[in-house]
Amino acid sequence: MKKIIKRISFFILGVTIILLTVIYFAFFDMVFLPTGTLIAQSSSSDGTYTVRAYQVIGGTTVSDSIRAELIFNNSNRMPKNIYWNYRESEVIIDWIDDDTVLINGVELDVPHEKFDFRNQ
């Protein structure tokens, strides 16, 4: 009897971990965002970073979105998604200084900060 209870407990624990992982990646992480079409890009004044903005066409049932990624020009780091906002189809990118970018009115300290409308 103890073996069966142990197996059921491990099964429930495994299913719970898988479910929580799926929920995290679906609602809180920016790794699996759609790619979109490149509509703008802007580099910092010192050339360390480039922000590329993409328009993600939602289709008939979902509004358009804007995704922006940070490119590390002087290193081999992978691009990092730093901006994801729903119901936007245009983007304005302004650099305040070498490490601070303003994307559609949202100020971000790169490379540490990111904006995701799902977490607001």
PDB file of N, CA and C in Angstrom:
ATOM      1  N   MET A   1       0.824  -1.204   0.000  1.00  0.00           N
ATOM      2  CA  MET A   1       0.000   0.000   0.000  1.00  0.00           C
ATOM      3  C   MET A   1       0.866   1.265   0.000  1.00  0.00           C
ATOM      4  N   LYS A   2       1.958   1.231   0.773  1.00  0.00           N
ATOM      5  CA  LYS A   2       2.831   2.398   0.829  1.00  0.00           C
ATOM      6  C   LYS A   2       3.484   2.670  -0.526  1.00  0.00           C
ATOM      7  N   LYS A   3       3.796   1.599  -1.289  1.00  0.00           N
ATOM      8  CA  LYS A   3       4.402   1.770  -2.604  1.00  0.00           C
ATOM      9  C   LYS A   3       3.444   2.485  -3.557  1.00  0.00           C
ATOM     10  N   ILE A   4       2.194   2.131  -3.506  1.00  0.00           N
ATOM     11  CA  ILE A   4       1.198   2.748  -4.385  1.00  0.00           C
ATOM     12  C   ILE A   4       1.030   4.220  -4.039  1.00  0.00           C
ATOM     13  N   ILE A   5       0.948   4.525  -2.757  1.00  0.00           N
ATOM     14  CA  ILE A   5       0.812   5.925  -2.323  1.00  0.00           C
ATOM     15  C   ILE A   5       2.045   6.720  -2.737  1.00  0.00           C
ATOM     16  N   LYS A   6       3.226   6.132  -2.631  1.00  0.00           N
ATOM     17  CA  LYS A   6       4.461   6.788  -3.034  1.00  0.00           C
ATOM     18  C   LYS A   6       4.465   7.068  -4.537  1.00  0.00           C
ATOM     19  N   ARG A   7       4.056   6.091  -5.339  1.00  0.00           N
ATOM     20  CA  ARG A   7       4.015   6.265  -6.789  1.00  0.00           C
ATOM     21  C   ARG A   7       3.004   7.342  -7.189  1.00  0.00           C
ATOM     22  N   ILE A   8       1.847   7.321  -6.558  1.00  0.00           N
ATOM     23  CA  ILE A   8       0.820   8.332  -6.850  1.00  0.00           C
ATOM     24  C   ILE A   8       1.329   9.716  -6.473  1.00  0.00           C
ATOM     25  N   SER A   9       2.007   9.828  -5.341  1.00  0.00           N
ATOM     26  CA  SER A   9       2.567  11.112  -4.903  1.00  0.00           C
ATOM     27  C   SER A   9       3.604  11.627  -5.903  1.00  0.00           C
ATOM     28  N   PHE A  10       4.487  10.759  -6.367  1.00  0.00           N
ATOM     29  CA  PHE A  10       5.489  11.166  -7.358  1.00  0.00           C
ATOM     30  C   PHE A  10       4.843  11.558  -8.675  1.00  0.00           C
ATOM     31  N   PHE A  11       3.797  10.828  -9.082  1.00  0.00           N
ATOM     32  CA  PHE A  11       3.087  11.166 -10.311  1.00  0.00           C
ATOM     33  C   PHE A  11       2.439  12.542 -10.196  1.00  0.00           C
ATOM     34  N   ILE A  12       1.752  12.800  -9.095  1.00  0.00           N
ATOM     35  CA  ILE A  12       1.106  14.105  -8.878  1.00  0.00           C
ATOM     36  C   ILE A  12       2.146  15.214  -8.828  1.00  0.00           C
ATOM     37  N   LEU A  13       3.271  14.985  -8.176  1.00  0.00           N
ATOM     38  CA  LEU A  13       4.346  15.965  -8.109  1.00  0.00           C
ATOM     39  C   LEU A  13       4.898  16.253  -9.511  1.00  0.00           C
ATOM     40  N   GLY A  14       5.113  15.209 -10.303  1.00  0.00           N
ATOM     41  CA  GLY A  14       5.626  15.391 -11.662  1.00  0.00           C
ATOM     42  C   GLY A  14       4.666  16.167 -12.542  1.00  0.00           C
ATOM     43  N   VAL A  15       3.391  15.827 -12.489  1.00  0.00           N
ATOM     44  CA  VAL A  15       2.387  16.537 -13.275  1.00  0.00           C
ATOM     45  C   VAL A  15       2.306  17.998 -12.846  1.00  0.00           C
ATOM     46  N   THR A  16       2.381  18.256 -11.550  1.00  0.00           N
ATOM     47  CA  THR A  16       2.335  19.624 -11.030  1.00  0.00           C
ATOM     48  C   THR A  16       3.526  20.433 -11.525  1.00  0.00           C
ATOM     49  N   ILE A  17       4.710  19.861 -11.504  1.00  0.00           N
ATOM     50  CA  ILE A  17       5.910  20.562 -11.971  1.00  0.00           C
ATOM     51  C   ILE A  17       5.796  20.868 -13.461  1.00  0.00           C
ATOM     52  N   ILE A  18       5.346  19.916 -14.251  1.00  0.00           N
ATOM     53  CA  ILE A  18       5.176  20.140 -15.696  1.00  0.00           C
ATOM     54  C   ILE A  18       4.140  21.221 -15.948  1.00  0.00           C
ATOM     55  N   LEU A  19       3.026  21.184 -15.252  1.00  0.00           N
ATOM     56  CA  LEU A  19       1.967  22.182 -15.417  1.00  0.00           C
ATOM     57  C   LEU A  19       2.453  23.585 -15.044  1.00  0.00           C
ATOM     58  N   LEU A  20       3.167  23.707 -13.938  1.00  0.00           N
ATOM     59  CA  LEU A  20       3.693  25.012 -13.522  1.00  0.00           C
ATOM     60  C   LEU A  20       4.723  25.542 -14.522  1.00  0.00           C
ATOM     61  N   THR A  21       5.532  24.665 -15.087  1.00  0.00           N
ATOM     62  CA  THR A  21       6.515  25.077 -16.094  1.00  0.00           C
ATOM     63  C   THR A  21       5.819  25.595 -17.348  1.00  0.00           C
ATOM     64  N   VAL A  22       4.796  24.899 -17.806  1.00  0.00           N
ATOM     65  CA  VAL A  22       4.038  25.340 -18.980  1.00  0.00           C
ATOM     66  C   VAL A  22       3.373  26.687 -18.715  1.00  0.00           C
ATOM     67  N   ILE A  23       2.775  26.862 -17.563  1.00  0.00           N
ATOM     68  CA  ILE A  23       2.136  28.140 -17.206  1.00  0.00           C
ATOM     69  C   ILE A  23       3.164  29.260 -17.181  1.00  0.00           C
ATOM     70  N   TYR A  24       4.338  29.003 -16.607  1.00  0.00           N
ATOM     71  CA  TYR A  24       5.374  30.025 -16.545  1.00  0.00           C
ATOM     72  C   TYR A  24       5.789  30.474 -17.944  1.00  0.00           C
ATOM     73  N   PHE A  25       6.093  29.521 -18.826  1.00  0.00           N
ATOM     74  CA  PHE A  25       6.549  29.887 -20.166  1.00  0.00           C
ATOM     75  C   PHE A  25       5.434  30.521 -21.000  1.00  0.00           C
ATOM     76  N   ALA A  26       4.199  30.153 -20.751  1.00  0.00           N
ATOM     77  CA  ALA A  26       3.086  30.702 -21.530  1.00  0.00           C
ATOM     78  C   ALA A  26       2.728  32.123 -21.106  1.00  0.00           C
ATOM     79  N   PHE A  27       2.863  32.437 -19.817  1.00  0.00           N
ATOM     80  CA  PHE A  27       2.352  33.712 -19.330  1.00  0.00           C
ATOM     81  C   PHE A  27       3.392  34.661 -18.742  1.00  0.00           C
ATOM     82  N   PHE A  28       4.572  34.190 -18.401  1.00  0.00           N
ATOM     83  CA  PHE A  28       5.512  35.049 -17.697  1.00  0.00           C
ATOM     84  C   PHE A  28       6.878  35.173 -18.354  1.00  0.00           C
ATOM     85  N   ASP A  29       7.216  34.333 -19.296  1.00  0.00           N
ATOM     86  CA  ASP A  29       8.533  34.375 -19.913  1.00  0.00           C
ATOM     87  C   ASP A  29       8.417  34.909 -21.333  1.00  0.00           C
ATOM     88  N   MET A  30       9.464  35.549 -21.817  1.00  0.00           N
ATOM     89  CA  MET A  30       9.446  36.149 -23.141  1.00  0.00           C
ATOM     90  C   MET A  30      10.226  35.329 -24.170  1.00  0.00           C
ATOM     91  N   VAL A  31      10.552  34.100 -23.844  1.00  0.00           N
ATOM     92  CA  VAL A  31      11.379  33.281 -24.722  1.00  0.00           C
ATOM     93  C   VAL A  31      10.631  32.843 -25.981  1.00  0.00           C
ATOM     94  N   PHE A  32       9.374  32.458 -25.850  1.00  0.00           N
ATOM     95  CA  PHE A  32       8.637  31.882 -26.967  1.00  0.00           C
ATOM     96  C   PHE A  32       7.679  32.872 -27.630  1.00  0.00           C
ATOM     97  N   LEU A  33       8.025  34.149 -27.654  1.00  0.00           N
ATOM     98  CA  LEU A  33       7.189  35.137 -28.316  1.00  0.00           C
ATOM     99  C   LEU A  33       7.269  34.955 -29.835  1.00  0.00           C
ATOM    100  N   PRO A  34       6.205  35.309 -30.550  1.00  0.00           N
ATOM    101  CA  PRO A  34       6.263  35.223 -32.010  1.00  0.00           C
ATOM    102  C   PRO A  34       7.307  36.172 -32.580  1.00  0.00           C
ATOM    103  N   THR A  35       7.851  35.833 -33.733  1.00  0.00           N
ATOM    104  CA  THR A  35       8.935  36.615 -34.322  1.00  0.00           C
ATOM    105  C   THR A  35       8.476  37.965 -34.842  1.00  0.00           C
ATOM    106  N   GLY A  36       7.541  38.004 -35.754  1.00  0.00           N
ATOM    107  CA  GLY A  36       7.052  39.261 -36.314  1.00  0.00           C
ATOM    108  C   GLY A  36       7.904  39.762 -37.472  1.00  0.00           C
ATOM    109  N   THR A  37       7.551  40.960 -37.938  1.00  0.00           N
ATOM    110  CA  THR A  37       8.224  41.604 -39.061  1.00  0.00           C
ATOM    111  C   THR A  37       8.997  42.816 -38.568  1.00  0.00           C
ATOM    112  N   LEU A  38      10.258  42.917 -38.928  1.00  0.00           N
ATOM    113  CA  LEU A  38      11.098  44.039 -38.498  1.00  0.00           C
ATOM    114  C   LEU A  38      10.523  45.345 -39.043  1.00  0.00           C
ATOM    115  N   ILE A  39      10.244  46.314 -38.130  1.00  0.00           N
ATOM    116  CA  ILE A  39       9.701  47.600 -38.566  1.00  0.00           C
ATOM    117  C   ILE A  39      10.589  48.774 -38.165  1.00  0.00           C
ATOM    118  N   ALA A  40      11.503  48.583 -37.223  1.00  0.00           N
ATOM    119  CA  ALA A  40      12.392  49.679 -36.813  1.00  0.00           C
ATOM    120  C   ALA A  40      13.595  49.114 -36.083  1.00  0.00           C
ATOM    121  N   GLN A  41      14.675  49.894 -36.109  1.00  0.00           N
ATOM    122  CA  GLN A  41      15.839  49.555 -35.297  1.00  0.00           C
ATOM    123  C   GLN A  41      16.598  50.825 -34.985  1.00  0.00           C
ATOM    124  N   SER A  42      17.259  50.830 -33.835  1.00  0.00           N
ATOM    125  CA  SER A  42      18.003  52.006 -33.404  1.00  0.00           C
ATOM    126  C   SER A  42      19.158  51.553 -32.525  1.00  0.00           C
ATOM    127  N   SER A  43      20.317  52.174 -32.720  1.00  0.00           N
ATOM    128  CA  SER A  43      21.505  51.830 -31.940  1.00  0.00           C
ATOM    129  C   SER A  43      21.803  52.908 -30.915  1.00  0.00           C
ATOM    130  N   SER A  44      22.398  52.487 -29.792  1.00  0.00           N
ATOM    131  CA  SER A  44      22.824  53.445 -28.775  1.00  0.00           C
ATOM    132  C   SER A  44      23.945  54.306 -29.343  1.00  0.00           C
ATOM    133  N   SER A  45      24.160  55.475 -28.752  1.00  0.00           N
ATOM    134  CA  SER A  45      25.152  56.415 -29.304  1.00  0.00           C
ATOM    135  C   SER A  45      26.577  55.862 -29.267  1.00  0.00           C
ATOM    136  N   ASP A  46      26.879  54.996 -28.287  1.00  0.00           N
ATOM    137  CA  ASP A  46      28.223  54.419 -28.232  1.00  0.00           C
ATOM    138  C   ASP A  46      28.338  53.120 -29.035  1.00  0.00           C
ATOM    139  N   GLY A  47      27.218  52.658 -29.624  1.00  0.00           N
ATOM    140  CA  GLY A  47      27.235  51.470 -30.466  1.00  0.00           C
ATOM    141  C   GLY A  47      27.243  50.152 -29.719  1.00  0.00           C
ATOM    142  N   THR A  48      27.059  50.176 -28.406  1.00  0.00           N
ATOM    143  CA  THR A  48      27.071  48.951 -27.618  1.00  0.00           C
ATOM    144  C   THR A  48      25.838  48.096 -27.876  1.00  0.00           C
ATOM    145  N   TYR A  49      24.681  48.744 -27.998  1.00  0.00           N
ATOM    146  CA  TYR A  49      23.414  48.034 -28.146  1.00  0.00           C
ATOM    147  C   TYR A  49      22.664  48.500 -29.393  1.00  0.00           C
ATOM    148  N   THR A  50      21.850  47.601 -29.916  1.00  0.00           N
ATOM    149  CA  THR A  50      20.880  47.933 -30.953  1.00  0.00           C
ATOM    150  C   THR A  50      19.547  47.344 -30.535  1.00  0.00           C
ATOM    151  N   VAL A  51      18.489  48.137 -30.635  1.00  0.00           N
ATOM    152  CA  VAL A  51      17.140  47.642 -30.370  1.00  0.00           C
ATOM    153  C   VAL A  51      16.451  47.460 -31.714  1.00  0.00           C
ATOM    154  N   ARG A  52      15.939  46.262 -31.931  1.00  0.00           N
ATOM    155  CA  ARG A  52      15.163  45.964 -33.130  1.00  0.00           C
ATOM    156  C   ARG A  52      13.720  45.723 -32.709  1.00  0.00           C
ATOM    157  N   ALA A  53      12.798  46.400 -33.381  1.00  0.00           N
ATOM    158  CA  ALA A  53      11.375  46.272 -33.051  1.00  0.00           C
ATOM    159  C   ALA A  53      10.660  45.531 -34.169  1.00  0.00           C
ATOM    160  N   TYR A  54       9.771  44.632 -33.780  1.00  0.00           N
ATOM    161  CA  TYR A  54       9.032  43.806 -34.716  1.00  0.00           C
ATOM    162  C   TYR A  54       7.540  43.968 -34.481  1.00  0.00           C
ATOM    163  N   GLN A  55       6.785  44.025 -35.567  1.00  0.00           N
ATOM    164  CA  GLN A  55       5.327  44.046 -35.470  1.00  0.00           C
ATOM    165  C   GLN A  55       4.830  42.612 -35.646  1.00  0.00           C
ATOM    166  N   VAL A  56       4.029  42.183 -34.688  1.00  0.00           N
ATOM    167  CA  VAL A  56       3.432  40.856 -34.745  1.00  0.00           C
ATOM    168  C   VAL A  56       1.970  41.043 -35.127  1.00  0.00           C
ATOM    169  N   ILE A  57       1.604  40.585 -36.313  1.00  0.00           N
ATOM    170  CA  ILE A  57       0.234  40.730 -36.807  1.00  0.00           C
ATOM    171  C   ILE A  57      -0.644  39.706 -36.108  1.00  0.00           C
ATOM    172  N   GLY A  58      -1.690  40.209 -35.454  1.00  0.00           N
ATOM    173  CA  GLY A  58      -2.551  39.334 -34.669  1.00  0.00           C
ATOM    174  C   GLY A  58      -3.556  38.553 -35.475  1.00  0.00           C
ATOM    175  N   GLY A  59      -3.988  39.083 -36.587  1.00  0.00           N
ATOM    176  CA  GLY A  59      -5.003  38.394 -37.373  1.00  0.00           C
ATOM    177  C   GLY A  59      -6.392  38.904 -37.055  1.00  0.00           C
ATOM    178  N   THR A  60      -7.391  38.071 -37.288  1.00  0.00           N
ATOM    179  CA  THR A  60      -8.776  38.521 -37.143  1.00  0.00           C
ATOM    180  C   THR A  60      -9.272  38.517 -35.709  1.00  0.00           C
ATOM    181  N   THR A  61      -8.717  37.675 -34.865  1.00  0.00           N
ATOM    182  CA  THR A  61      -9.243  37.572 -33.499  1.00  0.00           C
ATOM    183  C   THR A  61      -8.327  38.172 -32.435  1.00  0.00           C
ATOM    184  N   VAL A  62      -7.108  38.530 -32.788  1.00  0.00           N
ATOM    185  CA  VAL A  62      -6.137  39.044 -31.821  1.00  0.00           C
ATOM    186  C   VAL A  62      -5.545  40.339 -32.374  1.00  0.00           C
ATOM    187  N   SER A  63      -5.353  41.324 -31.512  1.00  0.00           N
ATOM    188  CA  SER A  63      -4.771  42.595 -31.943  1.00  0.00           C
ATOM    189  C   SER A  63      -3.282  42.456 -32.244  1.00  0.00           C
ATOM    190  N   ASP A  64      -2.759  43.437 -32.984  1.00  0.00           N
ATOM    191  CA  ASP A  64      -1.325  43.474 -33.271  1.00  0.00           C
ATOM    192  C   ASP A  64      -0.545  43.746 -31.991  1.00  0.00           C
ATOM    193  N   SER A  65       0.727  43.374 -32.014  1.00  0.00           N
ATOM    194  CA  SER A  65       1.617  43.581 -30.878  1.00  0.00           C
ATOM    195  C   SER A  65       2.968  44.049 -31.376  1.00  0.00           C
ATOM    196  N   ILE A  66       3.736  44.623 -30.466  1.00  0.00           N
ATOM    197  CA  ILE A  66       5.106  45.026 -30.756  1.00  0.00           C
ATOM    198  C   ILE A  66       6.036  44.254 -29.835  1.00  0.00           C
ATOM    199  N   ARG A  67       7.075  43.666 -30.442  1.00  0.00           N
ATOM    200  CA  ARG A  67       8.129  42.984 -29.695  1.00  0.00           C
ATOM    201  C   ARG A  67       9.439  43.668 -30.033  1.00  0.00           C
ATOM    202  N   ALA A  68      10.249  43.940 -29.025  1.00  0.00           N
ATOM    203  CA  ALA A  68      11.568  44.540 -29.263  1.00  0.00           C
ATOM    204  C   ALA A  68      12.628  43.676 -28.598  1.00  0.00           C
ATOM    205  N   GLU A  69      13.737  43.532 -29.317  1.00  0.00           N
ATOM    206  CA  GLU A  69      14.839  42.748 -28.776  1.00  0.00           C
ATOM    207  C   GLU A  69      16.094  43.601 -28.724  1.00  0.00           C
ATOM    208  N   LEU A  70      16.933  43.288 -27.756  1.00  0.00           N
ATOM    209  CA  LEU A  70      18.195  43.996 -27.566  1.00  0.00           C
ATOM    210  C   LEU A  70      19.307  43.163 -28.175  1.00  0.00           C
ATOM    211  N   ILE A  71      20.076  43.779 -29.061  1.00  0.00           N
ATOM    212  CA  ILE A  71      21.224  43.132 -29.697  1.00  0.00           C
ATOM    213  C   ILE A  71      22.484  43.656 -29.014  1.00  0.00           C
ATOM    214  N   PHE A  72      23.359  42.749 -28.618  1.00  0.00           N
ATOM    215  CA  PHE A  72      24.627  43.107 -27.995  1.00  0.00           C
ATOM    216  C   PHE A  72      25.684  43.169 -29.100  1.00  0.00           C
ATOM    217  N   ASN A  73      26.012  44.376 -29.543  1.00  0.00           N
ATOM    218  CA  ASN A  73      26.891  44.542 -30.703  1.00  0.00           C
ATOM    219  C   ASN A  73      28.332  44.133 -30.451  1.00  0.00           C
ATOM    220  N   ASN A  74      28.817  44.279 -29.230  1.00  0.00           N
ATOM    221  CA  ASN A  74      30.236  44.046 -28.945  1.00  0.00           C
ATOM    222  C   ASN A  74      30.519  42.713 -28.268  1.00  0.00           C
ATOM    223  N   SER A  75      29.539  41.829 -28.233  1.00  0.00           N
ATOM    224  CA  SER A  75      29.762  40.519 -27.616  1.00  0.00           C
ATOM    225  C   SER A  75      28.956  39.469 -28.367  1.00  0.00           C
ATOM    226  N   ASN A  76      29.216  38.232 -28.048  1.00  0.00           N
ATOM    227  CA  ASN A  76      28.557  37.121 -28.718  1.00  0.00           C
ATOM    228  C   ASN A  76      27.292  36.666 -27.992  1.00  0.00           C
ATOM    229  N   ARG A  77      26.707  37.514 -27.173  1.00  0.00           N
ATOM    230  CA  ARG A  77      25.492  37.154 -26.446  1.00  0.00           C
ATOM    231  C   ARG A  77      24.306  37.071 -27.400  1.00  0.00           C
ATOM    232  N   MET A  78      23.388  36.203 -27.073  1.00  0.00           N
ATOM    233  CA  MET A  78      22.160  36.055 -27.861  1.00  0.00           C
ATOM    234  C   MET A  78      21.283  37.293 -27.652  1.00  0.00           C
ATOM    235  N   PRO A  79      20.494  37.675 -28.660  1.00  0.00           N
ATOM    236  CA  PRO A  79      19.554  38.793 -28.479  1.00  0.00           C
ATOM    237  C   PRO A  79      18.589  38.497 -27.335  1.00  0.00           C
ATOM    238  N   LYS A  80      18.155  39.558 -26.683  1.00  0.00           N
ATOM    239  CA  LYS A  80      17.284  39.425 -25.514  1.00  0.00           C
ATOM    240  C   LYS A  80      16.001  40.216 -25.755  1.00  0.00           C
ATOM    241  N   ASN A  81      14.846  39.571 -25.596  1.00  0.00           N
ATOM    242  CA  ASN A  81      13.573  40.263 -25.696  1.00  0.00           C
ATOM    243  C   ASN A  81      13.432  41.207 -24.505  1.00  0.00           C
ATOM    244  N   ILE A  82      13.210  42.493 -24.800  1.00  0.00           N
ATOM    245  CA  ILE A  82      13.100  43.463 -23.709  1.00  0.00           C
ATOM    246  C   ILE A  82      11.767  44.187 -23.693  1.00  0.00           C
ATOM    247  N   TYR A  83      10.951  44.019 -24.739  1.00  0.00           N
ATOM    248  CA  TYR A  83       9.689  44.759 -24.811  1.00  0.00           C
ATOM    249  C   TYR A  83       8.654  43.918 -25.522  1.00  0.00           C
ATOM    250  N   TRP A  84       7.465  43.804 -24.913  1.00  0.00           N
ATOM    251  CA  TRP A  84       6.341  43.086 -25.510  1.00  0.00           C
ATOM    252  C   TRP A  84       5.077  43.790 -25.070  1.00  0.00           C
ATOM    253  N   ASN A  85       4.371  44.404 -26.030  1.00  0.00           N
ATOM    254  CA  ASN A  85       3.143  45.110 -25.687  1.00  0.00           C
ATOM    255  C   ASN A  85       2.062  44.800 -26.702  1.00  0.00           C
ATOM    256  N   TYR A  86       0.877  44.617 -26.186  1.00  0.00           N
ATOM    257  CA  TYR A  86      -0.306  44.235 -26.951  1.00  0.00           C
ATOM    258  C   TYR A  86      -1.051  45.477 -27.419  1.00  0.00           C
ATOM    259  N   ARG A  87      -1.759  45.355 -28.522  1.00  0.00           N
ATOM    260  CA  ARG A  87      -2.562  46.425 -29.111  1.00  0.00           C
ATOM    261  C   ARG A  87      -1.727  47.629 -29.526  1.00  0.00           C
ATOM    262  N   GLU A  88      -0.596  47.340 -30.130  1.00  0.00           N
ATOM    263  CA  GLU A  88       0.261  48.370 -30.724  1.00  0.00           C
ATOM    264  C   GLU A  88       0.658  47.894 -32.120  1.00  0.00           C
ATOM    265  N   SER A  89       0.767  48.840 -33.038  1.00  0.00           N
ATOM    266  CA  SER A  89       1.205  48.459 -34.379  1.00  0.00           C
ATOM    267  C   SER A  89       2.349  49.340 -34.882  1.00  0.00           C
ATOM    268  N   GLU A  90       2.706  50.360 -34.120  1.00  0.00           N
ATOM    269  CA  GLU A  90       3.819  51.239 -34.464  1.00  0.00           C
ATOM    270  C   GLU A  90       4.745  51.348 -33.263  1.00  0.00           C
ATOM    271  N   VAL A  91       5.989  51.766 -33.546  1.00  0.00           N
ATOM    272  CA  VAL A  91       6.956  51.874 -32.461  1.00  0.00           C
ATOM    273  C   VAL A  91       7.805  53.129 -32.641  1.00  0.00           C
ATOM    274  N   ILE A  92       8.124  53.747 -31.513  1.00  0.00           N
ATOM    275  CA  ILE A  92       9.066  54.869 -31.475  1.00  0.00           C
ATOM    276  C   ILE A  92      10.161  54.481 -30.488  1.00  0.00           C
ATOM    277  N   ILE A  93      11.399  54.467 -30.971  1.00  0.00           N
ATOM    278  CA  ILE A  93      12.554  54.103 -30.141  1.00  0.00           C
ATOM    279  C   ILE A  93      13.440  55.331 -30.002  1.00  0.00           C
ATOM    280  N   ASP A  94      13.674  55.765 -28.764  1.00  0.00           N
ATOM    281  CA  ASP A  94      14.571  56.891 -28.481  1.00  0.00           C
ATOM    282  C   ASP A  94      15.564  56.466 -27.400  1.00  0.00           C
ATOM    283  N   TRP A  95      16.824  56.765 -27.640  1.00  0.00           N
ATOM    284  CA  TRP A  95      17.854  56.493 -26.638  1.00  0.00           C
ATOM    285  C   TRP A  95      18.017  57.734 -25.768  1.00  0.00           C
ATOM    286  N   ILE A  96      17.888  57.574 -24.449  1.00  0.00           N
ATOM    287  CA  ILE A  96      18.079  58.678 -23.506  1.00  0.00           C
ATOM    288  C   ILE A  96      19.574  58.839 -23.224  1.00  0.00           C
ATOM    289  N   ASP A  97      20.257  57.725 -23.005  1.00  0.00           N
ATOM    290  CA  ASP A  97      21.710  57.696 -22.895  1.00  0.00           C
ATOM    291  C   ASP A  97      22.174  56.333 -23.391  1.00  0.00           C
ATOM    292  N   ASP A  98      23.434  55.995 -23.171  1.00  0.00           N
ATOM    293  CA  ASP A  98      23.978  54.754 -23.725  1.00  0.00           C
ATOM    294  C   ASP A  98      23.335  53.489 -23.159  1.00  0.00           C
ATOM    295  N   ASP A  99      22.732  53.576 -21.965  1.00  0.00           N
ATOM    296  CA  ASP A  99      22.149  52.403 -21.319  1.00  0.00           C
ATOM    297  C   ASP A  99      20.658  52.539 -21.034  1.00  0.00           C
ATOM    298  N   THR A 100      20.013  53.566 -21.526  1.00  0.00           N
ATOM    299  CA  THR A 100      18.589  53.778 -21.271  1.00  0.00           C
ATOM    300  C   THR A 100      17.868  54.053 -22.582  1.00  0.00           C
ATOM    301  N   VAL A 101      16.852  53.242 -22.840  1.00  0.00           N
ATOM    302  CA  VAL A 101      16.090  53.378 -24.079  1.00  0.00           C
ATOM    303  C   VAL A 101      14.620  53.613 -23.736  1.00  0.00           C
ATOM    304  N   LEU A 102      13.974  54.404 -24.569  1.00  0.00           N
ATOM    305  CA  LEU A 102      12.552  54.699 -24.428  1.00  0.00           C
ATOM    306  C   LEU A 102      11.842  54.067 -25.621  1.00  0.00           C
ATOM    307  N   ILE A 103      10.990  53.080 -25.348  1.00  0.00           N
ATOM    308  CA  ILE A 103      10.245  52.393 -26.403  1.00  0.00           C
ATOM    309  C   ILE A 103       8.761  52.672 -26.172  1.00  0.00           C
ATOM    310  N   ASN A 104       8.154  53.411 -27.089  1.00  0.00           N
ATOM    311  CA  ASN A 104       6.737  53.783 -26.977  1.00  0.00           C
ATOM    312  C   ASN A 104       6.385  54.317 -25.591  1.00  0.00           C
ATOM    313  N   GLY A 105       7.251  55.152 -25.047  1.00  0.00           N
ATOM    314  CA  GLY A 105       7.005  55.786 -23.757  1.00  0.00           C
ATOM    315  C   GLY A 105       7.409  54.970 -22.550  1.00  0.00           C
ATOM    316  N   VAL A 106       7.920  53.762 -22.742  1.00  0.00           N
ATOM    317  CA  VAL A 106       8.360  52.910 -21.636  1.00  0.00           C
ATOM    318  C   VAL A 106       9.878  53.005 -21.543  1.00  0.00           C
ATOM    319  N   GLU A 107      10.373  53.495 -20.412  1.00  0.00           N
ATOM    320  CA  GLU A 107      11.814  53.665 -20.203  1.00  0.00           C
ATOM    321  C   GLU A 107      12.403  52.380 -19.634  1.00  0.00           C
ATOM    322  N   LEU A 108      13.466  51.899 -20.271  1.00  0.00           N
ATOM    323  CA  LEU A 108      14.121  50.666 -19.846  1.00  0.00           C
ATOM    324  C   LEU A 108      15.615  50.886 -19.690  1.00  0.00           C
ATOM    325  N   ASP A 109      16.163  50.392 -18.589  1.00  0.00           N
ATOM    326  CA  ASP A 109      17.601  50.399 -18.357  1.00  0.00           C
ATOM    327  C   ASP A 109      18.147  49.083 -18.911  1.00  0.00           C
ATOM    328  N   VAL A 110      18.821  49.169 -20.050  1.00  0.00           N
ATOM    329  CA  VAL A 110      19.323  47.951 -20.689  1.00  0.00           C
ATOM    330  C   VAL A 110      20.717  47.630 -20.168  1.00  0.00           C
ATOM    331  N   PRO A 111      21.053  46.393 -20.034  1.00  0.00           N
ATOM    332  CA  PRO A 111      20.344  45.184 -20.419  1.00  0.00           C
ATOM    333  C   PRO A 111      19.506  44.557 -19.307  1.00  0.00           C
ATOM    334  N   HIS A 112      19.290  45.249 -18.199  1.00  0.00           N
ATOM    335  CA  HIS A 112      18.689  44.621 -17.019  1.00  0.00           C
ATOM    336  C   HIS A 112      17.166  44.636 -16.989  1.00  0.00           C
ATOM    337  N   GLU A 113      16.535  45.639 -17.534  1.00  0.00           N
ATOM    338  CA  GLU A 113      15.082  45.750 -17.432  1.00  0.00           C
ATOM    339  C   GLU A 113      14.395  45.271 -18.701  1.00  0.00           C
ATOM    340  N   LYS A 114      13.137  44.860 -18.523  1.00  0.00           N
ATOM    341  CA  LYS A 114      12.309  44.501 -19.662  1.00  0.00           C
ATOM    342  C   LYS A 114      10.865  44.859 -19.332  1.00  0.00           C
ATOM    343  N   PHE A 115      10.053  45.021 -20.377  1.00  0.00           N
ATOM    344  CA  PHE A 115       8.640  45.341 -20.210  1.00  0.00           C
ATOM    345  C   PHE A 115       7.815  44.266 -20.898  1.00  0.00           C
ATOM    346  N   ASP A 116       6.876  43.687 -20.164  1.00  0.00           N
ATOM    347  CA  ASP A 116       5.971  42.690 -20.688  1.00  0.00           C
ATOM    348  C   ASP A 116       4.575  43.034 -20.183  1.00  0.00           C
ATOM    349  N   PHE A 117       3.651  43.370 -21.089  1.00  0.00           N
ATOM    350  CA  PHE A 117       2.325  43.822 -20.683  1.00  0.00           C
ATOM    351  C   PHE A 117       1.593  42.780 -19.852  1.00  0.00           C
ATOM    352  N   ARG A 118       1.946  41.509 -19.985  1.00  0.00           N
ATOM    353  CA  ARG A 118       1.265  40.448 -19.232  1.00  0.00           C
ATOM    354  C   ARG A 118       1.603  40.487 -17.745  1.00  0.00           C
ATOM    355  N   ASN A 119       2.672  41.167 -17.382  1.00  0.00           N
ATOM    356  CA  ASN A 119       3.094  41.206 -15.973  1.00  0.00           C
ATOM    357  C   ASN A 119       2.788  42.542 -15.311  1.00  0.00           C
ATOM    358  N   GLN A 120       2.005  43.381 -15.948  1.00  0.00           N
ATOM    359  CA  GLN A 120       1.709  44.708 -15.389  1.00  0.00           C
ATOM    360  C   GLN A 120       0.460  44.683 -14.548  1.00  0.00           C
TER     361      GLN A 120
END
